[in-house]
C-alpha atoms as a PDB file:
ATOM      1  CA  MET A   1      12.138 -18.402 -35.299  1.00  0.00           C
ATOM      2  CA  HIS A   2       8.509 -17.774 -34.386  1.00  0.00           C
ATOM      3  CA  LEU A   3       7.891 -16.483 -30.845  1.00  0.00           C
ATOM      4  CA  THR A   4       4.564 -16.213 -29.040  1.00  0.00           C
ATOM      5  CA  LEU A   5       4.336 -14.282 -25.773  1.00  0.00           C
ATOM      6  CA  ARG A   6       1.531 -12.892 -23.631  1.00  0.00           C
ATOM      7  CA  VAL A   7       2.565  -9.260 -23.188  1.00  0.00           C
ATOM      8  CA  ASN A   8       0.531  -7.028 -20.878  1.00  0.00           C
ATOM      9  CA  GLY A   9      -2.418  -9.389 -21.188  1.00  0.00           C
ATOM     10  CA  THR A  10      -2.372  -9.678 -24.986  1.00  0.00           C
ATOM     11  CA  VAL A  11      -0.980 -12.559 -27.035  1.00  0.00           C
ATOM     12  CA  ARG A  12       1.756 -11.158 -29.267  1.00  0.00           C
ATOM     13  CA  GLN A  13       3.780 -12.919 -31.957  1.00  0.00           C
ATOM     14  CA  ALA A  14       7.030 -12.073 -33.677  1.00  0.00           C
ATOM     15  CA  GLU A  15       9.643 -13.558 -35.977  1.00  0.00           C
ATOM     16  CA  ILE A  16      12.962 -13.305 -34.167  1.00  0.00           C
ATOM     17  CA  ALA A  17      16.589 -14.375 -34.458  1.00  0.00           C
ATOM     18  CA  SER A  18      17.546 -17.140 -32.041  1.00  0.00           C
ATOM     19  CA  ASP A  19      19.964 -14.815 -30.222  1.00  0.00           C
ATOM     20  CA  ASP A  20      17.630 -11.794 -29.873  1.00  0.00           C
ATOM     21  CA  SER A  21      17.290 -10.441 -26.362  1.00  0.00           C
ATOM     22  CA  LEU A  22      13.848  -9.907 -24.911  1.00  0.00           C
ATOM     23  CA  LEU A  23      14.587  -6.175 -24.916  1.00  0.00           C
ATOM     24  CA  THR A  24      15.241  -6.255 -28.667  1.00  0.00           C
ATOM     25  CA  VAL A  25      12.010  -8.162 -29.310  1.00  0.00           C
ATOM     26  CA  LEU A  26       9.936  -5.837 -27.149  1.00  0.00           C
ATOM     27  CA  ARG A  27      11.315  -2.637 -28.665  1.00  0.00           C
ATOM     28  CA  ASP A  28      12.000  -3.595 -32.275  1.00  0.00           C
ATOM     29  CA  SER A  29       9.496  -6.335 -33.066  1.00  0.00           C
ATOM     30  CA  LEU A  30       6.561  -5.442 -30.799  1.00  0.00           C
ATOM     31  CA  ASP A  31       7.047  -1.638 -30.735  1.00  0.00           C
ATOM     32  CA  LEU A  32       6.885  -1.522 -26.932  1.00  0.00           C
ATOM     33  CA  THR A  33       9.476   1.174 -26.293  1.00  0.00           C
ATOM     34  CA  GLY A  34       8.755   1.894 -22.628  1.00  0.00           C
ATOM     35  CA  THR A  35      11.394  -0.651 -21.582  1.00  0.00           C
ATOM     36  CA  LYS A  36      14.712   1.120 -22.108  1.00  0.00           C
ATOM     37  CA  TYR A  37      18.191   0.135 -23.137  1.00  0.00           C
ATOM     38  CA  GLY A  38      20.586   1.284 -20.442  1.00  0.00           C
ATOM     39  CA  CYS A  39      23.929  -0.301 -19.692  1.00  0.00           C
ATOM     40  CA  GLY A  40      23.419  -3.477 -21.745  1.00  0.00           C
ATOM     41  CA  GLU A  41      24.773  -5.539 -18.863  1.00  0.00           C
ATOM     42  CA  GLY A  42      21.667  -5.895 -16.706  1.00  0.00           C
ATOM     43  CA  GLN A  43      23.074  -3.664 -13.972  1.00  0.00           C
ATOM     44  CA  CYS A  44      21.185  -0.382 -14.298  1.00  0.00           C
ATOM     45  CA  GLY A  45      17.631  -1.781 -14.318  1.00  0.00           C
ATOM     46  CA  ALA A  46      16.343   0.359 -17.198  1.00  0.00           C
ATOM     47  CA  CYS A  47      15.369  -2.814 -19.062  1.00  0.00           C
ATOM     48  CA  THR A  48      13.519  -4.479 -16.176  1.00  0.00           C
ATOM     49  CA  VAL A  49      10.293  -6.324 -17.021  1.00  0.00           C
ATOM     50  CA  ARG A  50       8.360  -9.083 -15.291  1.00  0.00           C
ATOM     51  CA  VAL A  51       8.308 -12.621 -16.665  1.00  0.00           C
ATOM     52  CA  ASP A  52       5.604 -14.702 -15.001  1.00  0.00           C
ATOM     53  CA  GLY A  53       5.668 -12.209 -12.142  1.00  0.00           C
ATOM     54  CA  GLN A  54       9.441 -12.258 -11.575  1.00  0.00           C
ATOM     55  CA  ALA A  55      11.548  -9.174 -12.316  1.00  0.00           C
ATOM     56  CA  ILE A  56      14.248  -9.823 -14.905  1.00  0.00           C
ATOM     57  CA  ARG A  57      16.664  -7.686 -16.933  1.00  0.00           C
ATOM     58  CA  SER A  58      15.394  -8.004 -20.501  1.00  0.00           C
ATOM     59  CA  CYS A  59      18.699  -6.953 -22.087  1.00  0.00           C
ATOM     60  CA  ARG A  60      20.300 -10.141 -20.731  1.00  0.00           C
ATOM     61  CA  GLN A  61      17.410 -12.549 -21.379  1.00  0.00           C
ATOM     62  CA  ASN A  62      17.332 -14.607 -24.579  1.00  0.00           C
ATOM     63  CA  ALA A  63      13.809 -14.165 -25.947  1.00  0.00           C
ATOM     64  CA  SER A  64      13.706 -17.604 -27.580  1.00  0.00           C
ATOM     65  CA  LEU A  65      13.697 -19.209 -24.119  1.00  0.00           C
ATOM     66  CA  LEU A  66      10.449 -17.441 -23.183  1.00  0.00           C
ATOM     67  CA  GLN A  67       8.044 -19.113 -25.634  1.00  0.00           C
ATOM     68  CA  GLY A  68       4.494 -18.845 -24.288  1.00  0.00           C
ATOM     69  CA  ARG A  69       5.483 -16.959 -21.135  1.00  0.00           C
ATOM     70  CA  THR A  70       3.746 -13.918 -19.651  1.00  0.00           C
ATOM     71  CA  ILE A  71       5.602 -10.608 -19.883  1.00  0.00           C
ATOM     72  CA  THR A  72       4.617  -7.387 -18.117  1.00  0.00           C
ATOM     73  CA  THR A  73       6.250  -4.148 -19.265  1.00  0.00           C
ATOM     74  CA  ILE A  74       6.062  -0.527 -18.146  1.00  0.00           C
ATOM     75  CA  GLU A  75       3.275   0.031 -20.686  1.00  0.00           C
ATOM     76  CA  ALA A  76       1.009  -2.006 -18.397  1.00  0.00           C
ATOM     77  CA  LEU A  77       1.589   0.599 -15.672  1.00  0.00           C
ATOM     78  CA  GLU A  78       0.729   3.377 -18.106  1.00  0.00           C
ATOM     79  CA  ASN A  79      -2.538   1.565 -18.890  1.00  0.00           C
ATOM     80  CA  GLN A  80      -3.313   1.286 -15.174  1.00  0.00           C
ATOM     81  CA  VAL A  81      -2.785   5.025 -14.727  1.00  0.00           C
ATOM     82  CA  SER A  82      -4.911   5.867 -17.785  1.00  0.00           C
ATOM     83  CA  GLY A  83      -7.676   3.596 -16.510  1.00  0.00           C
ATOM     84  CA  ALA A  84      -7.603   5.267 -13.104  1.00  0.00           C
ATOM     85  CA  ILE A  85      -7.936   8.690 -14.726  1.00  0.00           C
ATOM     86  CA  VAL A  86     -10.939   7.616 -16.802  1.00  0.00           C
ATOM     87  CA  GLN A  87     -12.537   5.997 -13.759  1.00  0.00           C
ATOM     88  CA  GLY A  88     -11.908   9.192 -11.776  1.00  0.00           C
ATOM     89  CA  LEU A  89     -13.642  11.247 -14.477  1.00  0.00           C
ATOM     90  CA  GLY A  90     -16.758   9.112 -14.171  1.00  0.00           C
ATOM     91  CA  GLY A  91     -16.899   9.361 -10.403  1.00  0.00           C
ATOM     92  CA  ALA A  92     -16.280  13.082 -10.444  1.00  0.00           C
ATOM     93  CA  LEU A  93     -18.708  14.009 -13.197  1.00  0.00           C
ATOM     94  CA  PHE A  94     -21.671  11.691 -13.470  1.00  0.00           C
ATOM     95  CA  GLU A  95     -21.428   8.259 -11.844  1.00  0.00           C
ATOM     96  CA  GLY A  96     -23.868   7.953  -9.018  1.00  0.00           C
ATOM     97  CA  ILE A  97     -26.373   5.657  -7.400  1.00  0.00           C
ATOM     98  CA  ASP A  98     -29.842   7.134  -7.757  1.00  0.00           C
ATOM     99  CA  PHE A  99     -32.751   6.551  -5.394  1.00  0.00           C
ATOM    100  CA  GLU A 100     -36.394   7.529  -5.682  1.00  0.00           C
ATOM    101  CA  ASN A 101     -38.781   6.992  -2.775  1.00  0.00           C
ATOM    102  CA  GLY A 102     -36.169   4.802  -1.096  1.00  0.00           C
ATOM    103  CA  ARG A 103     -35.758   2.538  -4.131  1.00  0.00           C
ATOM    104  CA  LEU A 104     -32.728   2.130  -6.319  1.00  0.00           C
ATOM    105  CA  VAL A 105     -33.547   3.418  -9.805  1.00  0.00           C
ATOM    106  CA  ASN A 106     -30.313   2.701 -11.676  1.00  0.00           C
ATOM    107  CA  GLY A 107     -29.551  -0.776 -10.421  1.00  0.00           C
ATOM    108  CA  ARG A 108     -28.530  -2.199 -13.794  1.00  0.00           C
ATOM    109  CA  PHE A 109     -25.113  -1.699 -15.293  1.00  0.00           C
ATOM    110  CA  SER A 110     -26.789  -1.191 -18.655  1.00  0.00           C
ATOM    111  CA  GLU A 111     -28.425   1.928 -17.180  1.00  0.00           C
ATOM    112  CA  TYR A 112     -25.360   3.133 -15.287  1.00  0.00           C
ATOM    113  CA  ARG A 113     -23.256   5.703 -17.072  1.00  0.00           C
ATOM    114  CA  VAL A 114     -19.533   5.006 -16.902  1.00  0.00           C
ATOM    115  CA  PRO A 115     -16.869   6.582 -19.093  1.00  0.00           C
ATOM    116  CA  ARG A 116     -14.928   4.531 -21.594  1.00  0.00           C
ATOM    117  CA  PHE A 117     -11.545   5.165 -23.157  1.00  0.00           C
ATOM    118  CA  ALA A 118     -13.382   6.040 -26.371  1.00  0.00           C
ATOM    119  CA  ASP A 119     -15.123   8.911 -24.515  1.00  0.00           C
ATOM    120  CA  VAL A 120     -11.910  10.804 -23.772  1.00  0.00           C
ATOM    121  CA  PRO A 121      -9.037  12.148 -25.825  1.00  0.00           C
ATOM    122  CA  PRO A 122      -5.696  10.309 -25.652  1.00  0.00           C
ATOM    123  CA  ILE A 123      -4.165  10.527 -22.185  1.00  0.00           C
ATOM    124  CA  GLU A 124      -0.441  11.180 -21.940  1.00  0.00           C
ATOM    125  CA  VAL A 125       1.000   9.455 -18.901  1.00  0.00           C
ATOM    126  CA  VAL A 126       4.360  10.593 -17.594  1.00  0.00           C
ATOM    127  CA  LEU A 127       5.926   8.223 -15.095  1.00  0.00           C
ATOM    128  CA  ILE A 128       8.577   9.546 -12.737  1.00  0.00           C
ATOM    129  CA  ASP A 129      11.022   7.083 -11.229  1.00  0.00           C
ATOM    130  CA  ARG A 130      11.153   8.186  -7.586  1.00  0.00           C
ATOM    131  CA  ARG A 131      13.504   5.614  -6.105  1.00  0.00           C
ATOM    132  CA  ASP A 132      13.580   7.622  -2.869  1.00  0.00           C
ATOM    133  CA  LEU A 133       9.920   6.776  -2.212  1.00  0.00           C
ATOM    134  CA  PRO A 134       8.316   3.365  -1.696  1.00  0.00           C
ATOM    135  CA  PRO A 135       5.735   2.262  -4.288  1.00  0.00           C
ATOM    136  CA  ALA A 136       2.283   3.671  -3.536  1.00  0.00           C
ATOM    137  CA  GLY A 137       0.105   1.779  -6.001  1.00  0.00           C
ATOM    138  CA  ALA A 138      -0.490   2.272  -9.676  1.00  0.00           C
ATOM    139  CA  GLY A 139      -4.218   2.157 -10.296  1.00  0.00           C
ATOM    140  CA  GLU A 140      -5.363   3.816  -7.099  1.00  0.00           C
ATOM    141  CA  THR A 141      -3.018   6.782  -6.716  1.00  0.00           C
ATOM    142  CA  PRO A 142      -3.874   8.700  -9.926  1.00  0.00           C
ATOM    143  CA  ILE A 143      -7.616   8.718  -9.206  1.00  0.00           C
ATOM    144  CA  VAL A 144      -7.219  10.898  -6.088  1.00  0.00           C
ATOM    145  CA  GLY A 145      -6.628  14.237  -7.818  1.00  0.00           C
ATOM    146  CA  ILE A 146      -9.188  13.960 -10.615  1.00  0.00           C
ATOM    147  CA  ALA A 147     -12.329  15.235  -8.843  1.00  0.00           C
ATOM    148  CA  PRO A 148     -10.563  18.201  -7.169  1.00  0.00           C
ATOM    149  CA  ALA A 149      -8.953  19.174 -10.486  1.00  0.00           C
ATOM    150  CA  ILE A 150     -12.308  19.070 -12.294  1.00  0.00           C
ATOM    151  CA  GLY A 151     -13.994  20.986  -9.471  1.00  0.00           C
ATOM    152  CA  ASN A 152     -11.322  23.675  -9.641  1.00  0.00           C
ATOM    153  CA  ALA A 153     -11.607  23.880 -13.447  1.00  0.00           C
ATOM    154  CA  ILE A 154     -15.398  24.292 -13.220  1.00  0.00           C
ATOM    155  CA  PHE A 155     -14.994  26.976 -10.550  1.00  0.00           C
ATOM    156  CA  ASP A 156     -12.342  28.756 -12.619  1.00  0.00           C
ATOM    157  CA  ALA A 157     -14.605  28.753 -15.688  1.00  0.00           C
ATOM    158  CA  THR A 158     -17.937  29.519 -13.984  1.00  0.00           C
ATOM    159  CA  GLY A 159     -17.297  30.886 -10.506  1.00  0.00           C
ATOM    160  CA  VAL A 160     -19.478  28.100  -9.080  1.00  0.00           C
ATOM    161  CA  HIS A 161     -18.170  25.701  -6.441  1.00  0.00           C
ATOM    162  CA  LEU A 162     -19.577  22.213  -6.941  1.00  0.00           C
ATOM    163  CA  ARG A 163     -18.886  20.387  -3.704  1.00  0.00           C
ATOM    164  CA  SER A 164     -20.596  17.005  -4.042  1.00  0.00           C
ATOM    165  CA  LEU A 165     -20.097  14.079  -6.344  1.00  0.00           C
ATOM    166  CA  PRO A 166     -21.063  13.488  -9.018  1.00  0.00           C
ATOM    167  CA  MET A 167     -20.581  17.144  -9.913  1.00  0.00           C
ATOM    168  CA  VAL A 168     -22.542  17.383 -13.145  1.00  0.00           C
ATOM    169  CA  PRO A 169     -24.706  14.274 -13.641  1.00  0.00           C
ATOM    170  CA  GLN A 170     -27.196  16.281 -15.770  1.00  0.00           C
ATOM    171  CA  GLY A 171     -24.830  19.035 -16.851  1.00  0.00           C
ATOM    172  CA  LEU A 172     -24.126  22.345 -15.162  1.00  0.00           C
ATOM    173  CA  PRO A 173     -27.001  24.252 -13.568  1.00  0.00           C
ATOM    174  CA  PRO A 174     -28.649  26.691 -16.049  1.00  0.00           C
ATOM    175  CA  SER A 175     -27.271  29.735 -14.240  1.00  0.00           C
ATOM    176  CA  THR A 176     -23.695  28.663 -15.071  1.00  0.00           C
ATOM    177  CA  SER A 177     -24.148  27.309 -18.605  1.00  0.00           C
ATOM    178  CA  GLN A 178     -24.034  30.806 -20.111  1.00  0.00           C
ATOM    179  CA  VAL A 179     -20.607  31.633 -18.647  1.00  0.00           C
END
């Protein structure tokens, strides 16, 4: 049977058996292994995904009944975290609004430097399931520590404290580039 799903914002297709669970399709056919096999009975929650915004246990859901539906897996959260990190790099290092004589000089996005995923090495995201804490946001939370971490790394390497953002829009000052 041919199955078409929208998974994490992308249309994905697979040939499946009519009795395949959604978990089997995600892991074996679509190579999305973030959703885990746990108890196999839908009790432990390791296989939880969202179907059209509703949480379901994918080990107990027949995939053939989900034709055309929207699925969100844990990989979407990993992408949110990676995106926040890249956005944090831009804000910390070189994103800024520039003025000259009271006029905005970089008012076009085509002239505004923002980092892209292609600008950074692969980011390894490690998610920790802290059930003792309430959710605190996915895209916003990771961005908080980026600028302080970069500032500390620059200080550790050069001995120079950079205390305003962006830290290095034109590179490090000449006195530190030799360190």
